[in-house]
C-alpha cells in the first residue's frame, strides 16, 4: 500500500512538478480557446452549407462532414504534422493541432448546429419574412438564436469532448498539460505528476459537465 502511495500520490513530487504543469496548463488553455472558438465558427459555416438549398454547396459540405467525422483526430493530427512536410509544408505543433481540430470539430459542431436549425419550424421562417426580414437577417435574428438554445447542451457536451482531445497535442511535442506531466514523470521516475495532471483536468472540466447536466434537466422539464 505504501508503495502505491509513494508512486502515485507523492505530494512532494507533485509540489516540485507543479510549476511545470502550470506552464503546460497555460498552453492547454490557449489551445482550448483557439480550438473551441474556431470550431464553433467553422461548425456554423458547415451547418449553413449543409442546410443550404443550393445542391452545389450542400453536397460537398455533407462529404466534408462524413470524412472528418469518420477520420480519427489523432490520425489527422499526425498526418498534418508529420505528413505535410513531405509536400514541403511545415507548420508548428500548435498550428498543426489547431488545423486538425478545426477540421474535426467543425464537422461535429456543424451537425449539432444543423440539428438545431432543422428543429425550427417553417412557420418561424415565414413569420420572419412577413416582417420584411430577408433570409440572412431571419437566420441571424430569428432562427439561429432559437436553434442554439435548442442544442445548447449538445454544444457544451461537444466542447467538453474537444477540451479532452487537446491532450492529443502531446504526441506532436506541444508543451501542454499532459506533455508537461509526462516530462515530469520521466524526470522523477514517478507517476504522481500524471495523477496531478488528471486532477487539474478534473477541476477544469467538472464545472462544464455540471453545466451540461443542468441544461439537460431544464430542457427535460
Protein backbone atom coordinates (compact mmCIF):
# COMPACT_ATOMS: atom_id res chain seq x y z
CA UNK A 1 0.00 0.00 0.00
CA UNK A 2 2.82 2.38 0.88
CA UNK A 3 4.48 1.65 -2.45
CA UNK A 4 1.29 2.67 -4.28
CA UNK A 5 1.07 5.91 -2.28
CA UNK A 6 4.72 6.72 -2.97
CA UNK A 7 4.35 6.01 -6.68
CA UNK A 8 1.04 7.75 -7.39
CA UNK A 9 0.34 10.17 -4.53
CA UNK A 10 3.75 11.57 -3.62
CA UNK A 11 2.85 15.13 -2.65
CA UNK A 12 6.47 16.29 -2.51
CA UNK A 13 6.99 15.26 -6.14
CA UNK A 14 3.67 16.88 -7.05
CA UNK A 15 4.85 20.11 -5.42
CA UNK A 16 8.08 20.03 -7.37
CA UNK A 17 6.30 19.28 -10.65
CA UNK A 18 3.55 21.86 -10.16
CA UNK A 19 5.34 24.83 -11.85
CA UNK A 20 5.99 22.71 -14.95
CA UNK A 21 2.38 21.55 -15.03
CA UNK A 22 1.04 25.08 -14.60
CA UNK A 23 3.11 26.18 -17.60
CA UNK A 24 1.55 23.30 -19.54
CA UNK A 25 -1.89 24.29 -18.30
CA UNK A 26 -1.45 27.79 -19.77
CA UNK A 27 -0.66 26.24 -23.14
CA UNK A 28 -3.68 23.92 -22.80
CA UNK A 29 -5.98 26.87 -22.07
CA UNK A 30 -4.63 28.80 -25.08
CA UNK A 31 -5.18 25.75 -27.25
CA UNK A 32 -8.72 25.27 -25.89
CA UNK A 33 -9.64 28.88 -26.66
CA UNK A 34 -8.37 28.65 -30.24
CA UNK A 35 -9.83 25.21 -30.93
CA UNK A 36 -13.26 25.91 -29.42
CA UNK A 37 -13.73 29.37 -30.98
CA UNK A 38 -12.63 28.30 -34.45
CA UNK A 39 -14.51 25.02 -34.12
CA UNK A 40 -17.76 26.81 -33.26
CA UNK A 41 -17.29 29.28 -36.13
CA UNK A 42 -16.34 26.53 -38.57
CA UNK A 43 -19.23 24.39 -37.41
CA UNK A 44 -21.68 27.19 -38.05
CA UNK A 45 -20.32 27.61 -41.58
CA UNK A 46 -20.64 23.84 -42.12
CA UNK A 47 -24.22 23.83 -40.82
CA UNK A 48 -25.22 26.68 -43.12
CA UNK A 49 -23.70 24.84 -46.05
CA UNK A 50 -25.39 21.56 -45.09
CA UNK A 51 -28.81 23.23 -44.87
CA UNK A 52 -28.38 25.35 -47.99
CA UNK A 53 -30.99 24.91 -50.74
CA UNK A 54 -28.13 25.01 -53.27
CA UNK A 55 -27.04 21.47 -54.04
CA UNK A 56 -23.59 22.55 -55.28
CA UNK A 57 -22.92 23.79 -51.74
CA UNK A 58 -24.90 21.24 -49.74
CA UNK A 59 -23.40 18.06 -51.23
CA UNK A 60 -19.69 18.99 -50.79
CA UNK A 61 -20.45 20.08 -47.23
CA UNK A 62 -22.05 16.72 -46.50
CA UNK A 63 -18.98 14.95 -47.89
CA UNK A 64 -16.75 17.13 -45.70
CA UNK A 65 -18.78 16.22 -42.61
CA UNK A 66 -18.72 12.50 -43.38
CA UNK A 67 -14.96 12.45 -44.00
CA UNK A 68 -13.88 14.37 -40.92
CA UNK A 69 -16.36 12.72 -38.58
CA UNK A 70 -15.09 9.32 -39.72
CA UNK A 71 -11.38 10.17 -39.54
CA UNK A 72 -9.79 9.69 -36.09
CA UNK A 73 -8.47 13.06 -34.87
CA UNK A 74 -5.12 11.53 -33.88
CA UNK A 75 -4.59 10.20 -37.42
CA UNK A 76 -5.49 13.59 -38.84
CA UNK A 77 -3.13 15.37 -36.44
CA UNK A 78 -0.18 13.11 -37.26
CA UNK A 79 -0.87 13.44 -40.99
CA UNK A 80 -0.86 17.24 -40.81
CA UNK A 81 2.20 17.48 -38.58
CA UNK A 82 4.31 14.63 -39.96
CA UNK A 83 2.87 14.05 -43.43
CA UNK A 84 2.60 17.55 -44.88
CA UNK A 85 6.37 18.22 -44.54
CA UNK A 86 6.89 15.64 -47.30
CA UNK A 87 4.94 18.04 -49.54
CA UNK A 88 7.12 20.94 -48.41
CA UNK A 89 4.56 22.28 -45.93
CA UNK A 90 5.95 22.69 -42.40
CA UNK A 91 3.88 24.13 -39.60
CA UNK A 92 4.39 24.44 -35.86
CA UNK A 93 2.94 21.89 -33.43
CA UNK A 94 0.40 24.47 -32.20
CA UNK A 95 -0.76 25.25 -35.75
CA UNK A 96 -0.94 21.55 -36.61
CA UNK A 97 -3.19 20.86 -33.61
CA UNK A 98 -5.34 23.92 -34.37
CA UNK A 99 -5.84 22.93 -38.03
CA UNK A 100 -6.51 19.25 -37.27
CA UNK A 101 -9.03 20.05 -34.56
CA UNK A 102 -10.64 22.77 -36.68
CA UNK A 103 -11.38 20.24 -39.41
CA UNK A 104 -12.55 17.56 -36.99
CA UNK A 105 -14.57 19.77 -34.66
CA UNK A 106 -16.18 21.78 -37.45
CA UNK A 107 -17.77 18.57 -38.67
CA UNK A 108 -19.15 17.68 -35.23
CA UNK A 109 -20.23 21.19 -34.30
CA UNK A 110 -21.78 21.51 -37.75
CA UNK A 111 -24.02 18.52 -37.18
CA UNK A 112 -25.14 19.95 -33.83
CA UNK A 113 -25.92 23.32 -35.38
CA UNK A 114 -27.71 21.64 -38.28
CA UNK A 115 -29.96 19.70 -35.90
CA UNK A 116 -30.79 22.97 -34.16
CA UNK A 117 -31.63 24.77 -37.40
CA UNK A 118 -33.81 21.90 -38.60
CA UNK A 119 -35.65 21.87 -35.27
CA UNK A 120 -37.11 25.30 -36.06
CA UNK A 121 -40.44 25.04 -37.84
CA UNK A 122 -41.11 26.57 -41.24
CA UNK A 123 -43.56 28.94 -39.60
CA UNK A 124 -40.67 30.82 -37.97
CA UNK A 125 -39.13 31.50 -41.37
CA UNK A 126 -42.49 32.67 -42.71
CA UNK A 127 -43.08 34.89 -39.68
CA UNK A 128 -39.65 36.48 -40.13
CA UNK A 129 -40.30 37.03 -43.84
CA UNK A 130 -43.67 38.63 -43.08
CA UNK A 131 -41.88 41.31 -41.04
CA UNK A 132 -39.72 42.22 -44.03
CA UNK A 133 -36.59 40.35 -42.99
CA UNK A 134 -34.53 38.77 -45.73
CA UNK A 135 -33.12 35.26 -45.36
CA UNK A 136 -29.77 36.35 -43.86
CA UNK A 137 -31.50 38.64 -41.35
CA UNK A 138 -34.09 35.98 -40.49
CA UNK A 139 -31.33 33.46 -39.94
CA UNK A 140 -29.27 35.79 -37.74
CA UNK A 141 -32.05 37.34 -35.65
CA UNK A 142 -34.79 34.69 -35.53
CA UNK A 143 -33.63 31.19 -36.46
CA UNK A 144 -30.10 30.89 -35.04
CA UNK A 145 -30.90 32.19 -31.53
CA UNK A 146 -33.66 29.60 -31.18
CA UNK A 147 -31.56 26.87 -32.80
CA UNK A 148 -28.62 27.46 -30.48
CA UNK A 149 -30.89 27.44 -27.43
CA UNK A 150 -32.38 24.11 -28.53
CA UNK A 151 -28.99 22.41 -28.89
CA UNK A 152 -27.04 24.24 -26.18
CA UNK A 153 -26.50 21.10 -24.04
CA UNK A 154 -25.11 19.27 -27.09
CA UNK A 155 -22.82 22.21 -27.92
CA UNK A 156 -21.50 22.26 -24.35
CA UNK A 157 -21.11 18.48 -24.27
CA UNK A 158 -19.17 18.58 -27.53
CA UNK A 159 -16.99 21.36 -26.11
CA UNK A 160 -16.11 19.14 -23.14
CA UNK A 161 -15.00 16.43 -25.58
CA UNK A 162 -12.98 19.00 -27.54
CA UNK A 163 -11.12 20.06 -24.40
CA UNK A 164 -10.38 16.42 -23.62
CA UNK A 165 -8.97 15.95 -27.12
CA UNK A 166 -6.41 18.70 -26.57
CA UNK A 167 -4.39 16.13 -24.63
CA UNK A 168 -3.60 14.54 -28.01
CA UNK A 169 -1.35 17.53 -28.70
CA UNK A 170 1.32 15.83 -26.60
CA UNK A 171 2.04 13.41 -29.46
CA UNK A 172 3.46 16.29 -31.54
CA UNK A 173 5.53 17.54 -28.58
CA UNK A 174 3.35 20.56 -27.89
CA UNK A 175 4.15 21.54 -24.31
CA UNK A 176 0.60 21.36 -22.98
CA UNK A 177 -0.55 19.89 -19.67
CA UNK A 178 -0.23 16.18 -20.45
CA UNK A 179 3.13 16.66 -22.16
CA UNK A 180 4.42 18.59 -19.14
CA UNK A 181 3.15 15.88 -16.77
CA UNK A 182 4.81 13.15 -18.82
CA UNK A 183 8.07 15.08 -18.86
CA UNK A 184 7.89 15.45 -15.07
CA UNK A 185 7.21 11.72 -14.78
CA UNK A 186 10.27 10.90 -16.88
CA UNK A 187 12.44 13.17 -14.73
CA UNK A 188 11.19 11.94 -11.35
CA UNK A 189 10.55 8.29 -12.33
CA UNK A 190 7.26 8.66 -10.51
CA UNK A 191 3.63 8.70 -11.73
CA UNK A 192 2.48 11.36 -9.26
CA UNK A 193 2.74 14.22 -11.84
CA UNK A 194 0.29 12.31 -14.08
CA UNK A 195 -2.13 11.98 -11.18
CA UNK A 196 -1.81 15.72 -10.55
CA UNK A 197 -2.46 16.44 -14.24
CA UNK A 198 -5.58 14.26 -14.10
CA UNK A 199 -6.78 16.23 -11.07
CA UNK A 200 -6.20 19.52 -12.92
CA UNK A 201 -8.19 18.23 -15.90
CA UNK A 202 -10.97 17.27 -13.47
CA UNK A 203 -11.04 20.77 -11.99
CA UNK A 204 -11.10 22.24 -15.49
CA UNK A 205 -13.87 20.05 -16.89
CA UNK A 206 -16.12 19.29 -13.92
CA UNK A 207 -17.91 22.70 -13.96
CA UNK A 208 -18.68 22.25 -17.68
CA UNK A 209 -20.01 18.74 -17.07
CA UNK A 210 -22.30 20.02 -14.32
CA UNK A 211 -23.45 22.86 -16.58
CA UNK A 212 -24.36 20.38 -19.31
CA UNK A 213 -26.37 18.30 -16.82
CA UNK A 214 -28.18 21.42 -15.62
CA UNK A 215 -29.23 22.45 -19.12
CA UNK A 216 -30.32 18.92 -19.92
CA UNK A 217 -32.58 18.85 -16.86
CA UNK A 218 -34.03 22.25 -17.75
CA UNK A 219 -34.88 21.13 -21.27
CA UNK A 220 -36.41 17.91 -19.96
CA UNK A 221 -38.89 19.79 -17.73
